[in-house]
Amino acid sequence: ILALPGEGVTPPQSASFELLLCFVVVATLFAGIWSRFFRRGPLEYLLNSATKLANRVR
């Protein structure tokens, strides 16, 4: 929330149900789109890449 444009170092005064709902909707849309194009989640993808590199070191 602090990363929103125009917000200072304090939480916004407009922290409300609408703002929460907006974040939930965006996160749900992102997850739905991601799962359509990728088999793994973003963190799973990074961990898998790291373990593949570590496997080659042996």
Protein backbone atom coordinates (compact mmCIF):
# COMPACT_ATOMS: atom_id res chain seq x y z
CA ILE A 1 0.00 0.00 0.00
CA LEU A 2 2.90 2.33 0.73
CA ALA A 3 4.09 1.84 -2.86
CA LEU A 4 0.96 3.49 -4.24
CA PRO A 5 1.68 6.75 -6.07
CA GLY A 6 1.32 9.83 -3.91
CA GLU A 7 1.55 7.97 -0.62
CA GLY A 8 4.09 9.04 1.98
CA VAL A 9 5.84 7.00 4.61
CA THR A 10 2.66 6.57 6.62
CA PRO A 11 -0.21 4.26 5.68
CA PRO A 12 -2.88 5.97 3.61
CA GLN A 13 -5.89 7.38 5.35
CA SER A 14 -8.04 5.78 2.69
CA ALA A 15 -7.22 2.25 3.90
CA SER A 16 -10.69 0.89 3.45
CA PHE A 17 -12.65 -2.08 2.26
CA GLU A 18 -12.51 -0.80 -1.33
CA LEU A 19 -8.70 -0.71 -1.29
CA LEU A 20 -8.56 -4.23 0.16
CA LEU A 21 -11.03 -5.47 -2.43
CA CYS A 22 -8.93 -3.92 -5.21
CA PHE A 23 -5.80 -5.74 -4.00
CA VAL A 24 -7.67 -9.04 -3.71
CA VAL A 25 -9.11 -8.72 -7.23
CA VAL A 26 -5.72 -7.82 -8.76
CA ALA A 27 -3.96 -10.68 -6.96
CA THR A 28 -6.64 -13.15 -8.06
CA LEU A 29 -6.44 -12.00 -11.67
CA PHE A 30 -2.65 -12.22 -11.63
CA ALA A 31 -2.79 -15.76 -10.21
CA GLY A 32 -5.35 -16.84 -12.80
CA ILE A 33 -3.37 -15.44 -15.71
CA TRP A 34 -0.10 -16.88 -14.37
CA SER A 35 -1.59 -20.37 -14.03
CA ARG A 36 -2.82 -20.24 -17.64
CA PHE A 37 0.68 -19.74 -19.04
CA PHE A 38 2.99 -21.38 -16.50
CA ARG A 39 2.95 -24.74 -14.76
CA ARG A 40 4.66 -23.53 -11.59
CA GLY A 41 4.25 -20.45 -9.48
CA PRO A 42 6.84 -17.64 -9.60
CA LEU A 43 8.71 -18.76 -6.47
CA GLU A 44 8.55 -22.41 -7.47
CA TYR A 45 10.04 -21.48 -10.82
CA LEU A 46 12.94 -19.63 -9.18
CA LEU A 47 13.63 -22.45 -6.71
CA ASN A 48 13.54 -25.02 -9.50
CA SER A 49 16.06 -22.98 -11.51
CA ALA A 50 18.34 -22.67 -8.49
CA THR A 51 18.25 -26.39 -7.75
CA LYS A 52 19.01 -27.23 -11.39
CA LEU A 53 22.12 -25.06 -11.15
CA ALA A 54 23.13 -26.69 -7.87
CA ASN A 55 22.65 -30.12 -9.39
CA ARG A 56 25.18 -29.30 -12.14
CA VAL A 57 27.81 -28.29 -9.57
CA ARG A 58 28.18 -31.86 -8.29
